[in-house]
Amino acid sequence: MKRTLTAEVHTRVDAAEALAGRKAKAWGVAPDHTLWWLADGGREGDEVLHHAEDWDTWERFALPRGAPDFDFVQPLPGDEVLLVNARCSFRSEKEHERNAWVCSREGTLLRAMTLGDGIADVQTTADGQVWVSYFDEGVIGNRGWGRGDAASTPIGADGLVRFDALGQRQESGVSMALGLEEIIVDCYALNVASEQETWFYSYTDFPLVRLRPGRPSTVWASPVRGAHAIVVSDTHVLFGGGYEDRCELQLFSLYDKGHQRLGPVARVVLTDETGRPWQPTRLEGRGAWLHGAEGTRHFRVDLMALIARAAAT
C-alpha cells in the first residue's frame, strides 16, 4: 500500500493518576465507548475503574479479596460488570472451572460462569449479549479440554461463541457464515458493532466476516495477515496490526467496482499532540471507532473521519 494518510489524534484520557502506579490487569471498551480498566490492588483486592468521555473522575469499585485474576472487563445491563479470565481448566463432566464473574457496581459477586479456555477477546452488547472469541488452544483444546470425549469438547471449538448474560450459549451463525469447509483456528480480531451486527477476522485464511441476524452473512477475502483489530463501516474496514508491524494501520474499501473484495485505500499513521507517532500497546475496534492505549494513555479514532480525510486528499 503506497499511499500514507497521517492524522493527529490527541490523548483522550490518561489513567496514570487513577492507577497510581498499579498494574492494569485488564482493559475493555463498552458498547457506549466508555472505558473499563482493572487495576491490581494487591492484598486489598483488585479495583475496577470506569471512565466516560465527559467525566472528570473515574468511577471505582473494589472486588472481593481473593478474587481470581481476570483478563477482560465488560459491562452488562442492570449495572452489572463481567470479568473474565482467559484460561479455564476442565475438571470433570460435572465440574468446570468458572472463569467468569458477574459483579455488582459495589463489588459483590452475583454469579460465576464458565466461558471456556483460550479466550482471545470478550465484547458485550447493550442488551446483554456476550461475544467471546478464542485462540487456538481454546478451539483445539488444552487444560483438560479436547480429550476426545463429548464432555470435554472445548467450549470455544467454533472459534467465536455468543452467550447470554447468564452464561448460556446462544446461536451465533458463525459456522453457517464460514461454510462447511472453513473453520476458525484462531479468532484474531472481533468487533461487536451493535446488538444486530458482529464482525470477525480469523486464522488460517484471514477472512473478514460480517454477521447480522436474519440476513445472509458477508465474507471478504483479506490480503492482510496477522491483524489484531478491525474497525468497520458499511463501506470500509481499518485493520490494526499485522505480523510485520503490530502498530500498522491499513484502510481498505469493502466494495471495489461492485465486487465483494477489499480495495486498498491508504496506510494510516496516527500522531499524538506532540507529533510523535502513537505506538499502541492495545487496539480494539468497536463499530466505526478505533480505541487504543499506549501505556496509560488512551485515544479514540472515528473511522468515518479517516474515510472523509482520505477522500479529500
C-alpha atoms as a PDB file:
ATOM      1  CA  MET A   1       0.000   0.000   0.000  1.00  0.00           C
ATOM      2  CA  LYS A   2       1.835   3.089  -1.292  1.00  0.00           C
ATOM      3  CA  ARG A   3      -0.373   5.946  -0.068  1.00  0.00           C
ATOM      4  CA  THR A   4       0.035   7.200   3.524  1.00  0.00           C
ATOM      5  CA  LEU A   5      -2.604   9.142   5.433  1.00  0.00           C
ATOM      6  CA  THR A   6      -1.464  10.982   8.585  1.00  0.00           C
ATOM      7  CA  ALA A   7      -3.899  12.073  11.298  1.00  0.00           C
ATOM      8  CA  GLU A   8      -3.289  13.854  14.598  1.00  0.00           C
ATOM      9  CA  VAL A   9      -5.107  12.193  17.487  1.00  0.00           C
ATOM     10  CA  HIS A  10      -4.998  13.668  20.988  1.00  0.00           C
ATOM     11  CA  THR A  11      -4.906  11.704  24.226  1.00  0.00           C
ATOM     12  CA  ARG A  12      -8.484  11.094  25.294  1.00  0.00           C
ATOM     13  CA  VAL A  13      -7.687  10.229  28.913  1.00  0.00           C
ATOM     14  CA  ASP A  14      -4.613   9.196  30.893  1.00  0.00           C
ATOM     15  CA  ALA A  15      -5.244   6.574  33.572  1.00  0.00           C
ATOM     16  CA  ALA A  16      -1.878   7.092  35.281  1.00  0.00           C
ATOM     17  CA  GLU A  17      -3.297   9.031  38.226  1.00  0.00           C
ATOM     18  CA  ALA A  18      -6.189   6.612  38.715  1.00  0.00           C
ATOM     19  CA  LEU A  19      -3.856   3.619  38.604  1.00  0.00           C
ATOM     20  CA  ALA A  20      -1.412   5.319  40.987  1.00  0.00           C
ATOM     21  CA  GLY A  21       1.493   3.119  39.941  1.00  0.00           C
ATOM     22  CA  ARG A  22      -0.503  -0.102  39.959  1.00  0.00           C
ATOM     23  CA  LYS A  23      -0.520  -2.588  37.123  1.00  0.00           C
ATOM     24  CA  ALA A  24      -3.502  -2.577  34.761  1.00  0.00           C
ATOM     25  CA  LYS A  25      -4.593  -6.198  34.522  1.00  0.00           C
ATOM     26  CA  ALA A  26      -7.416  -5.715  32.035  1.00  0.00           C
ATOM     27  CA  TRP A  27      -8.723  -3.075  29.633  1.00  0.00           C
ATOM     28  CA  GLY A  28     -12.076  -3.002  27.876  1.00  0.00           C
ATOM     29  CA  VAL A  29     -14.293  -0.793  25.732  1.00  0.00           C
ATOM     30  CA  ALA A  30     -18.045  -0.842  26.388  1.00  0.00           C
ATOM     31  CA  PRO A  31     -20.840  -0.678  23.786  1.00  0.00           C
ATOM     32  CA  ASP A  32     -21.241   3.016  24.689  1.00  0.00           C
ATOM     33  CA  HIS A  33     -17.470   3.522  24.204  1.00  0.00           C
ATOM     34  CA  THR A  34     -16.766   4.144  27.882  1.00  0.00           C
ATOM     35  CA  LEU A  35     -13.507   2.715  29.226  1.00  0.00           C
ATOM     36  CA  TRP A  36     -13.062  -0.055  31.761  1.00  0.00           C
ATOM     37  CA  TRP A  37      -9.774  -0.905  33.468  1.00  0.00           C
ATOM     38  CA  LEU A  38      -8.938  -3.486  36.127  1.00  0.00           C
ATOM     39  CA  ALA A  39      -6.162  -2.350  38.470  1.00  0.00           C
ATOM     40  CA  ASP A  40      -4.061  -4.667  40.601  1.00  0.00           C
ATOM     41  CA  GLY A  41      -4.929  -3.920  44.214  1.00  0.00           C
ATOM     42  CA  GLY A  42      -2.605  -6.432  45.857  1.00  0.00           C
ATOM     43  CA  ARG A  43      -3.778  -7.655  49.247  1.00  0.00           C
ATOM     44  CA  GLU A  44      -6.568  -5.087  49.308  1.00  0.00           C
ATOM     45  CA  GLY A  45      -8.257  -6.639  46.287  1.00  0.00           C
ATOM     46  CA  ASP A  46      -8.318  -5.552  42.649  1.00  0.00           C
ATOM     47  CA  GLU A  47     -10.180  -2.388  41.669  1.00  0.00           C
ATOM     48  CA  VAL A  48     -12.399  -1.762  38.634  1.00  0.00           C
ATOM     49  CA  LEU A  49     -12.090   1.704  37.064  1.00  0.00           C
ATOM     50  CA  HIS A  50     -14.712   3.166  34.721  1.00  0.00           C
ATOM     51  CA  HIS A  51     -14.447   6.395  32.711  1.00  0.00           C
ATOM     52  CA  ALA A  52     -16.753   8.193  30.263  1.00  0.00           C
ATOM     53  CA  GLU A  53     -15.943  10.955  27.779  1.00  0.00           C
ATOM     54  CA  ASP A  54     -17.211  13.925  29.819  1.00  0.00           C
ATOM     55  CA  TRP A  55     -16.285  12.695  33.308  1.00  0.00           C
ATOM     56  CA  ASP A  56     -13.689  14.493  35.415  1.00  0.00           C
ATOM     57  CA  THR A  57     -13.153  11.475  37.682  1.00  0.00           C
ATOM     58  CA  TRP A  58     -13.182   7.688  37.448  1.00  0.00           C
ATOM     59  CA  GLU A  59     -15.949   5.519  38.885  1.00  0.00           C
ATOM     60  CA  ARG A  60     -14.333   2.904  41.134  1.00  0.00           C
ATOM     61  CA  PHE A  61     -15.259  -0.241  42.995  1.00  0.00           C
ATOM     62  CA  ALA A  62     -13.165  -2.960  44.614  1.00  0.00           C
ATOM     63  CA  LEU A  63     -13.525  -6.680  44.007  1.00  0.00           C
ATOM     64  CA  PRO A  64     -13.731  -9.084  46.944  1.00  0.00           C
ATOM     65  CA  ARG A  65     -10.395 -10.078  48.429  1.00  0.00           C
ATOM     66  CA  GLY A  66      -9.133 -13.333  46.988  1.00  0.00           C
ATOM     67  CA  ALA A  67     -10.847 -12.805  43.633  1.00  0.00           C
ATOM     68  CA  PRO A  68      -9.082 -14.668  40.821  1.00  0.00           C
ATOM     69  CA  ASP A  69      -7.125 -12.913  38.111  1.00  0.00           C
ATOM     70  CA  PHE A  70      -9.081 -11.529  35.184  1.00  0.00           C
ATOM     71  CA  ASP A  71      -8.023 -10.502  31.680  1.00  0.00           C
ATOM     72  CA  PHE A  72     -11.211  -8.873  30.354  1.00  0.00           C
ATOM     73  CA  VAL A  73     -13.779  -6.465  31.778  1.00  0.00           C
ATOM     74  CA  GLN A  74     -17.126  -5.514  30.197  1.00  0.00           C
ATOM     75  CA  PRO A  75     -20.424  -4.035  31.429  1.00  0.00           C
ATOM     76  CA  LEU A  76     -23.764  -5.844  31.439  1.00  0.00           C
ATOM     77  CA  PRO A  77     -27.286  -4.429  31.823  1.00  0.00           C
ATOM     78  CA  GLY A  78     -28.597  -3.704  35.303  1.00  0.00           C
ATOM     79  CA  ASP A  79     -25.327  -2.103  36.495  1.00  0.00           C
ATOM     80  CA  GLU A  80     -23.565  -5.476  36.363  1.00  0.00           C
ATOM     81  CA  VAL A  81     -19.928  -5.955  35.381  1.00  0.00           C
ATOM     82  CA  LEU A  82     -18.479  -9.034  33.687  1.00  0.00           C
ATOM     83  CA  LEU A  83     -14.893 -10.070  34.450  1.00  0.00           C
ATOM     84  CA  VAL A  84     -13.302 -12.957  32.553  1.00  0.00           C
ATOM     85  CA  ASN A  85     -10.075 -14.943  32.851  1.00  0.00           C
ATOM     86  CA  ALA A  86      -8.658 -16.133  29.530  1.00  0.00           C
ATOM     87  CA  ARG A  87      -7.774 -19.555  30.948  1.00  0.00           C
ATOM     88  CA  CYS A  88     -10.106 -22.239  32.246  1.00  0.00           C
ATOM     89  CA  SER A  89      -9.492 -25.863  33.273  1.00  0.00           C
ATOM     90  CA  PHE A  90     -11.774 -28.832  32.607  1.00  0.00           C
ATOM     91  CA  ARG A  91     -12.068 -30.780  35.858  1.00  0.00           C
ATOM     92  CA  SER A  92     -14.832 -33.283  35.219  1.00  0.00           C
ATOM     93  CA  GLU A  93     -18.101 -33.666  33.316  1.00  0.00           C
ATOM     94  CA  LYS A  94     -19.972 -32.223  36.280  1.00  0.00           C
ATOM     95  CA  GLU A  95     -17.449 -29.590  37.321  1.00  0.00           C
ATOM     96  CA  HIS A  96     -15.816 -26.930  35.162  1.00  0.00           C
ATOM     97  CA  GLU A  97     -13.669 -24.102  36.414  1.00  0.00           C
ATOM     98  CA  ARG A  98     -15.719 -20.921  36.500  1.00  0.00           C
ATOM     99  CA  ASN A  99     -13.549 -18.347  34.802  1.00  0.00           C
ATOM    100  CA  ALA A 100     -16.131 -15.533  34.596  1.00  0.00           C
ATOM    101  CA  TRP A 101     -17.571 -13.457  37.414  1.00  0.00           C
ATOM    102  CA  VAL A 102     -20.505 -11.086  37.261  1.00  0.00           C
ATOM    103  CA  CYS A 103     -20.317  -8.431  39.977  1.00  0.00           C
ATOM    104  CA  SER A 104     -22.438  -5.508  41.091  1.00  0.00           C
ATOM    105  CA  ARG A 105     -21.098  -1.949  40.954  1.00  0.00           C
ATOM    106  CA  GLU A 106     -20.490  -2.327  44.711  1.00  0.00           C
ATOM    107  CA  GLY A 107     -18.109  -5.225  44.055  1.00  0.00           C
ATOM    108  CA  THR A 108     -20.422  -8.011  45.227  1.00  0.00           C
ATOM    109  CA  LEU A 109     -20.164 -11.322  43.380  1.00  0.00           C
ATOM    110  CA  LEU A 110     -23.584 -12.040  41.831  1.00  0.00           C
ATOM    111  CA  ARG A 111     -22.794 -15.226  39.875  1.00  0.00           C
ATOM    112  CA  ALA A 112     -19.918 -17.204  38.376  1.00  0.00           C
ATOM    113  CA  MET A 113     -19.912 -18.825  34.932  1.00  0.00           C
ATOM    114  CA  THR A 114     -17.777 -20.993  32.651  1.00  0.00           C
ATOM    115  CA  LEU A 115     -16.923 -19.427  29.280  1.00  0.00           C
ATOM    116  CA  GLY A 116     -14.145 -21.829  28.302  1.00  0.00           C
ATOM    117  CA  ASP A 117     -10.382 -21.797  27.871  1.00  0.00           C
ATOM    118  CA  GLY A 118      -8.178 -19.918  25.430  1.00  0.00           C
ATOM    119  CA  ILE A 119     -10.176 -16.693  25.289  1.00  0.00           C
ATOM    120  CA  ALA A 120      -8.834 -14.033  22.938  1.00  0.00           C
ATOM    121  CA  ASP A 121     -11.420 -11.282  23.468  1.00  0.00           C
ATOM    122  CA  VAL A 122     -14.754 -10.524  25.130  1.00  0.00           C
ATOM    123  CA  GLN A 123     -17.236  -7.874  23.965  1.00  0.00           C
ATOM    124  CA  THR A 124     -20.754  -7.344  25.282  1.00  0.00           C
ATOM    125  CA  THR A 125     -23.777  -5.568  23.820  1.00  0.00           C
ATOM    126  CA  ALA A 126     -26.161  -3.098  25.437  1.00  0.00           C
ATOM    127  CA  ASP A 127     -28.848  -5.798  25.678  1.00  0.00           C
ATOM    128  CA  GLY A 128     -26.586  -8.292  27.462  1.00  0.00           C
ATOM    129  CA  GLN A 129     -25.173 -10.480  24.703  1.00  0.00           C
ATOM    130  CA  VAL A 130     -21.661 -11.730  25.452  1.00  0.00           C
ATOM    131  CA  TRP A 131     -19.480 -12.471  22.424  1.00  0.00           C
ATOM    132  CA  VAL A 132     -16.332 -14.475  23.201  1.00  0.00           C
ATOM    133  CA  SER A 133     -13.556 -15.182  20.702  1.00  0.00           C
ATOM    134  CA  TYR A 134     -10.915 -17.883  21.196  1.00  0.00           C
ATOM    135  CA  PHE A 135      -7.310 -18.507  20.202  1.00  0.00           C
ATOM    136  CA  ASP A 136      -6.058 -21.918  19.057  1.00  0.00           C
ATOM    137  CA  GLU A 137      -5.848 -23.594  22.482  1.00  0.00           C
ATOM    138  CA  GLY A 138      -9.461 -22.655  23.154  1.00  0.00           C
ATOM    139  CA  VAL A 139     -10.517 -24.118  19.792  1.00  0.00           C
ATOM    140  CA  ILE A 140      -8.460 -27.320  19.725  1.00  0.00           C
ATOM    141  CA  GLY A 141      -8.229 -27.929  23.459  1.00  0.00           C
ATOM    142  CA  ASN A 142      -5.870 -27.635  26.434  1.00  0.00           C
ATOM    143  CA  ARG A 143      -6.047 -27.737  30.234  1.00  0.00           C
ATOM    144  CA  GLY A 144      -8.177 -30.882  30.145  1.00  0.00           C
ATOM    145  CA  TRP A 145     -10.445 -29.730  27.298  1.00  0.00           C
ATOM    146  CA  GLY A 146     -10.434 -31.665  23.996  1.00  0.00           C
ATOM    147  CA  ARG A 147      -9.553 -35.111  25.335  1.00  0.00           C
ATOM    148  CA  GLY A 148     -11.704 -36.812  22.715  1.00  0.00           C
ATOM    149  CA  ASP A 149     -14.907 -37.380  24.695  1.00  0.00           C
ATOM    150  CA  ALA A 150     -18.034 -35.280  24.282  1.00  0.00           C
ATOM    151  CA  ALA A 151     -17.964 -33.950  27.831  1.00  0.00           C
ATOM    152  CA  SER A 152     -14.578 -32.260  27.334  1.00  0.00           C
ATOM    153  CA  THR A 153     -15.304 -30.736  23.909  1.00  0.00           C
ATOM    154  CA  PRO A 154     -13.831 -27.216  24.060  1.00  0.00           C
ATOM    155  CA  ILE A 155     -16.463 -24.538  24.603  1.00  0.00           C
ATOM    156  CA  GLY A 156     -14.601 -22.436  22.059  1.00  0.00           C
ATOM    157  CA  ALA A 157     -14.439 -25.136  19.369  1.00  0.00           C
ATOM    158  CA  ASP A 158     -16.245 -22.836  16.893  1.00  0.00           C
ATOM    159  CA  GLY A 159     -13.722 -20.059  17.489  1.00  0.00           C
ATOM    160  CA  LEU A 160     -16.421 -17.490  18.310  1.00  0.00           C
ATOM    161  CA  VAL A 161     -19.381 -18.055  20.649  1.00  0.00           C
ATOM    162  CA  ARG A 162     -22.322 -15.909  21.761  1.00  0.00           C
ATOM    163  CA  PHE A 163     -23.649 -16.257  25.319  1.00  0.00           C
ATOM    164  CA  ASP A 164     -26.422 -14.531  27.211  1.00  0.00           C
ATOM    165  CA  ALA A 165     -25.794 -12.607  30.438  1.00  0.00           C
ATOM    166  CA  LEU A 166     -26.302 -15.806  32.460  1.00  0.00           C
ATOM    167  CA  GLY A 167     -23.599 -17.675  30.540  1.00  0.00           C
ATOM    168  CA  GLN A 168     -25.981 -19.768  28.434  1.00  0.00           C
ATOM    169  CA  ARG A 169     -24.769 -20.465  24.915  1.00  0.00           C
ATOM    170  CA  GLN A 170     -26.786 -18.858  22.096  1.00  0.00           C
ATOM    171  CA  GLU A 171     -26.902 -19.420  18.339  1.00  0.00           C
ATOM    172  CA  SER A 172     -24.273 -17.232  16.640  1.00  0.00           C
ATOM    173  CA  GLY A 173     -24.376 -18.115  12.952  1.00  0.00           C
ATOM    174  CA  VAL A 174     -20.572 -18.447  12.814  1.00  0.00           C
ATOM    175  CA  SER A 175     -20.404 -21.952  11.315  1.00  0.00           C
ATOM    176  CA  MET A 176     -23.014 -21.162   8.679  1.00  0.00           C
ATOM    177  CA  ALA A 177     -21.190 -17.962   7.738  1.00  0.00           C
ATOM    178  CA  LEU A 178     -17.897 -19.730   7.035  1.00  0.00           C
ATOM    179  CA  GLY A 179     -19.317 -22.782   5.282  1.00  0.00           C
ATOM    180  CA  LEU A 180     -18.633 -26.457   5.857  1.00  0.00           C
ATOM    181  CA  GLU A 181     -15.035 -26.421   4.644  1.00  0.00           C
ATOM    182  CA  GLU A 182     -13.827 -23.439   6.673  1.00  0.00           C
ATOM    183  CA  ILE A 183     -13.110 -23.272  10.410  1.00  0.00           C
ATOM    184  CA  ILE A 184     -11.711 -20.726  12.837  1.00  0.00           C
ATOM    185  CA  VAL A 185      -8.426 -21.955  14.271  1.00  0.00           C
ATOM    186  CA  ASP A 186      -7.705 -18.633  15.971  1.00  0.00           C
ATOM    187  CA  CYS A 187     -10.044 -15.622  16.035  1.00  0.00           C
ATOM    188  CA  TYR A 188      -7.534 -12.799  15.645  1.00  0.00           C
ATOM    189  CA  ALA A 189      -9.941  -9.847  15.805  1.00  0.00           C
ATOM    190  CA  LEU A 190     -13.514  -9.202  16.961  1.00  0.00           C
ATOM    191  CA  ASN A 191     -15.769  -6.169  16.557  1.00  0.00           C
ATOM    192  CA  VAL A 192     -19.226  -6.288  18.119  1.00  0.00           C
ATOM    193  CA  ALA A 193     -20.629  -3.208  16.419  1.00  0.00           C
ATOM    194  CA  SER A 194     -24.159  -3.429  17.860  1.00  0.00           C
ATOM    195  CA  GLU A 195     -26.811  -5.856  19.075  1.00  0.00           C
ATOM    196  CA  GLN A 196     -27.525  -6.667  15.416  1.00  0.00           C
ATOM    197  CA  GLU A 197     -24.027  -6.697  13.900  1.00  0.00           C
ATOM    198  CA  THR A 198     -20.834  -8.594  14.686  1.00  0.00           C
ATOM    199  CA  TRP A 199     -17.622  -8.775  12.649  1.00  0.00           C
ATOM    200  CA  PHE A 200     -14.649 -11.110  12.985  1.00  0.00           C
ATOM    201  CA  TYR A 201     -11.349 -11.895  11.274  1.00  0.00           C
ATOM    202  CA  SER A 202      -9.675 -15.255  11.761  1.00  0.00           C
ATOM    203  CA  TYR A 203      -6.815 -17.621  11.027  1.00  0.00           C
ATOM    204  CA  THR A 204      -5.993 -19.529   8.810  1.00  0.00           C
ATOM    205  CA  ASP A 205      -7.145 -17.737   5.658  1.00  0.00           C
ATOM    206  CA  PHE A 206      -7.968 -14.433   7.423  1.00  0.00           C
ATOM    207  CA  PRO A 207     -11.455 -13.817   6.006  1.00  0.00           C
ATOM    208  CA  LEU A 208     -13.315 -10.709   7.147  1.00  0.00           C
ATOM    209  CA  VAL A 209     -16.849 -11.785   8.118  1.00  0.00           C
ATOM    210  CA  ARG A 210     -19.966  -9.734   8.866  1.00  0.00           C
ATOM    211  CA  LEU A 211     -22.779 -11.393  10.846  1.00  0.00           C
ATOM    212  CA  ARG A 212     -26.298  -9.944  11.064  1.00  0.00           C
ATOM    213  CA  PRO A 213     -29.225 -11.935  12.493  1.00  0.00           C
ATOM    214  CA  GLY A 214     -31.833 -12.823   9.896  1.00  0.00           C
ATOM    215  CA  ARG A 215     -29.654 -11.697   6.996  1.00  0.00           C
ATOM    216  CA  PRO A 216     -27.026 -13.525   4.915  1.00  0.00           C
ATOM    217  CA  SER A 217     -23.507 -13.190   6.217  1.00  0.00           C
ATOM    218  CA  THR A 218     -20.871 -11.492   4.078  1.00  0.00           C
ATOM    219  CA  VAL A 219     -17.304 -12.776   3.705  1.00  0.00           C
ATOM    220  CA  TRP A 220     -14.387 -10.896   2.165  1.00  0.00           C
ATOM    221  CA  ALA A 221     -11.008 -12.427   1.367  1.00  0.00           C
ATOM    222  CA  SER A 222      -8.339 -10.310   3.036  1.00  0.00           C
ATOM    223  CA  PRO A 223      -4.774  -9.564   1.929  1.00  0.00           C
ATOM    224  CA  VAL A 224      -3.842  -8.552   5.498  1.00  0.00           C
ATOM    225  CA  ARG A 225      -2.161 -11.191   7.643  1.00  0.00           C
ATOM    226  CA  GLY A 226      -1.998 -11.153  11.443  1.00  0.00           C
ATOM    227  CA  ALA A 227      -4.082  -8.063  12.265  1.00  0.00           C
ATOM    228  CA  HIS A 228      -5.441  -7.995  15.821  1.00  0.00           C
ATOM    229  CA  ALA A 229      -8.082  -5.262  15.500  1.00  0.00           C
ATOM    230  CA  ILE A 230     -10.757  -4.413  12.911  1.00  0.00           C
ATOM    231  CA  VAL A 231     -12.767  -1.191  12.676  1.00  0.00           C
ATOM    232  CA  VAL A 232     -15.732  -1.251  10.320  1.00  0.00           C
ATOM    233  CA  SER A 233     -18.393   0.710   8.457  1.00  0.00           C
ATOM    234  CA  ASP A 234     -20.732  -0.192   5.605  1.00  0.00           C
ATOM    235  CA  THR A 235     -18.078   0.816   3.090  1.00  0.00           C
ATOM    236  CA  HIS A 236     -14.636   0.473   4.710  1.00  0.00           C
ATOM    237  CA  VAL A 237     -12.510  -1.543   7.113  1.00  0.00           C
ATOM    238  CA  LEU A 238      -9.432  -0.467   9.051  1.00  0.00           C
ATOM    239  CA  PHE A 239      -7.045  -3.254  10.041  1.00  0.00           C
ATOM    240  CA  GLY A 240      -4.866  -2.710  13.122  1.00  0.00           C
ATOM    241  CA  GLY A 241      -1.543  -4.505  13.313  1.00  0.00           C
ATOM    242  CA  GLY A 242      -0.029  -7.345  11.351  1.00  0.00           C
ATOM    243  CA  TYR A 243       2.700  -9.938  11.512  1.00  0.00           C
ATOM    244  CA  GLU A 244       5.406  -7.475  10.498  1.00  0.00           C
ATOM    245  CA  ASP A 245       4.210  -4.423  12.465  1.00  0.00           C
ATOM    246  CA  ARG A 246       1.803  -4.609  15.427  1.00  0.00           C
ATOM    247  CA  CYS A 247       1.118  -0.876  15.178  1.00  0.00           C
ATOM    248  CA  GLU A 248       0.437  -0.676  11.439  1.00  0.00           C
ATOM    249  CA  LEU A 249      -2.984   0.590  10.352  1.00  0.00           C
ATOM    250  CA  GLN A 250      -4.325  -0.187   6.854  1.00  0.00           C
ATOM    251  CA  LEU A 251      -7.536   1.224   5.376  1.00  0.00           C
ATOM    252  CA  PHE A 252      -9.490  -0.668   2.694  1.00  0.00           C
ATOM    253  CA  SER A 253     -12.787  -0.150   0.894  1.00  0.00           C
ATOM    254  CA  LEU A 254     -15.203  -3.051   1.265  1.00  0.00           C
ATOM    255  CA  TYR A 255     -16.571  -2.851  -2.251  1.00  0.00           C
ATOM    256  CA  ASP A 256     -14.457  -2.285  -5.305  1.00  0.00           C
ATOM    257  CA  LYS A 257     -16.368  -1.803  -8.602  1.00  0.00           C
ATOM    258  CA  GLY A 258     -19.317  -3.768  -7.281  1.00  0.00           C
ATOM    259  CA  HIS A 259     -17.332  -6.875  -6.386  1.00  0.00           C
ATOM    260  CA  GLN A 260     -17.091  -8.423  -2.932  1.00  0.00           C
ATOM    261  CA  ARG A 261     -13.429  -7.701  -2.311  1.00  0.00           C
ATOM    262  CA  LEU A 262     -11.205  -5.271  -0.453  1.00  0.00           C
ATOM    263  CA  GLY A 263      -9.683  -2.290  -2.225  1.00  0.00           C
ATOM    264  CA  PRO A 264      -6.561  -0.663  -0.720  1.00  0.00           C
ATOM    265  CA  VAL A 265      -7.031   2.994   0.256  1.00  0.00           C
ATOM    266  CA  ALA A 266      -4.136   4.079   2.476  1.00  0.00           C
ATOM    267  CA  ARG A 267      -1.711   3.226   5.193  1.00  0.00           C
ATOM    268  CA  VAL A 268      -2.702   5.291   8.248  1.00  0.00           C
ATOM    269  CA  VAL A 269      -0.245   6.900  10.634  1.00  0.00           C
ATOM    270  CA  LEU A 270      -1.605   8.374  13.879  1.00  0.00           C
ATOM    271  CA  THR A 271       0.381  11.040  15.722  1.00  0.00           C
ATOM    272  CA  ASP A 272      -0.256  12.456  19.181  1.00  0.00           C
ATOM    273  CA  GLU A 273      -0.442  16.129  20.140  1.00  0.00           C
ATOM    274  CA  THR A 274       3.367  16.362  20.128  1.00  0.00           C
ATOM    275  CA  GLY A 275       3.635  14.988  16.601  1.00  0.00           C
ATOM    276  CA  ARG A 276       5.048  11.649  17.751  1.00  0.00           C
ATOM    277  CA  PRO A 277       3.540   8.529  16.147  1.00  0.00           C
ATOM    278  CA  TRP A 278       1.394   6.504  18.524  1.00  0.00           C
ATOM    279  CA  GLN A 279       2.853   3.113  19.461  1.00  0.00           C
ATOM    280  CA  PRO A 280      -0.238   1.466  20.939  1.00  0.00           C
ATOM    281  CA  THR A 281       0.116  -1.490  23.271  1.00  0.00           C
ATOM    282  CA  ARG A 282      -3.573  -2.292  22.798  1.00  0.00           C
ATOM    283  CA  LEU A 283      -6.021  -1.785  19.921  1.00  0.00           C
ATOM    284  CA  GLU A 284      -9.737  -2.561  19.934  1.00  0.00           C
ATOM    285  CA  GLY A 285     -12.436  -1.988  17.351  1.00  0.00           C
ATOM    286  CA  ARG A 286     -15.991  -1.100  18.362  1.00  0.00           C
ATOM    287  CA  GLY A 287     -18.147  -0.389  15.338  1.00  0.00           C
ATOM    288  CA  ALA A 288     -16.636   2.535  13.434  1.00  0.00           C
ATOM    289  CA  TRP A 289     -14.361   3.559  16.303  1.00  0.00           C
ATOM    290  CA  LEU A 290     -10.773   2.501  16.899  1.00  0.00           C
ATOM    291  CA  HIS A 291      -9.739   2.558  20.557  1.00  0.00           C
ATOM    292  CA  GLY A 292      -6.093   2.357  21.505  1.00  0.00           C
ATOM    293  CA  ALA A 293      -3.915   2.523  24.587  1.00  0.00           C
ATOM    294  CA  GLU A 294      -0.226   3.273  24.831  1.00  0.00           C
ATOM    295  CA  GLY A 295       0.744   2.617  28.402  1.00  0.00           C
ATOM    296  CA  THR A 296      -1.822   4.538  30.462  1.00  0.00           C
ATOM    297  CA  ARG A 297      -2.796   6.941  27.659  1.00  0.00           C
ATOM    298  CA  HIS A 298      -5.935   6.197  25.703  1.00  0.00           C
ATOM    299  CA  PHE A 299      -7.001   7.520  22.299  1.00  0.00           C
ATOM    300  CA  ARG A 300     -10.038   7.103  20.047  1.00  0.00           C
ATOM    301  CA  VAL A 301     -10.326   7.487  16.264  1.00  0.00           C
ATOM    302  CA  ASP A 302     -13.502   7.849  14.191  1.00  0.00           C
ATOM    303  CA  LEU A 303     -13.248   5.720  11.047  1.00  0.00           C
ATOM    304  CA  MET A 304     -15.739   7.958   9.273  1.00  0.00           C
ATOM    305  CA  ALA A 305     -13.418  10.932   9.786  1.00  0.00           C
ATOM    306  CA  LEU A 306     -10.500   8.953   8.333  1.00  0.00           C
ATOM    307  CA  ILE A 307     -12.593   7.999   5.313  1.00  0.00           C
ATOM    308  CA  ALA A 308     -13.563  11.646   4.731  1.00  0.00           C
ATOM    309  CA  ARG A 309      -9.945  12.717   5.120  1.00  0.00           C
ATOM    310  CA  ALA A 310      -8.801  10.093   2.636  1.00  0.00           C
ATOM    311  CA  ALA A 311     -11.426  11.213   0.112  1.00  0.00           C
ATOM    312  CA  ALA A 312     -10.360  14.853   0.429  1.00  0.00           C
ATOM    313  CA  THR A 313      -6.644  14.257  -0.105  1.00  0.00           C
END
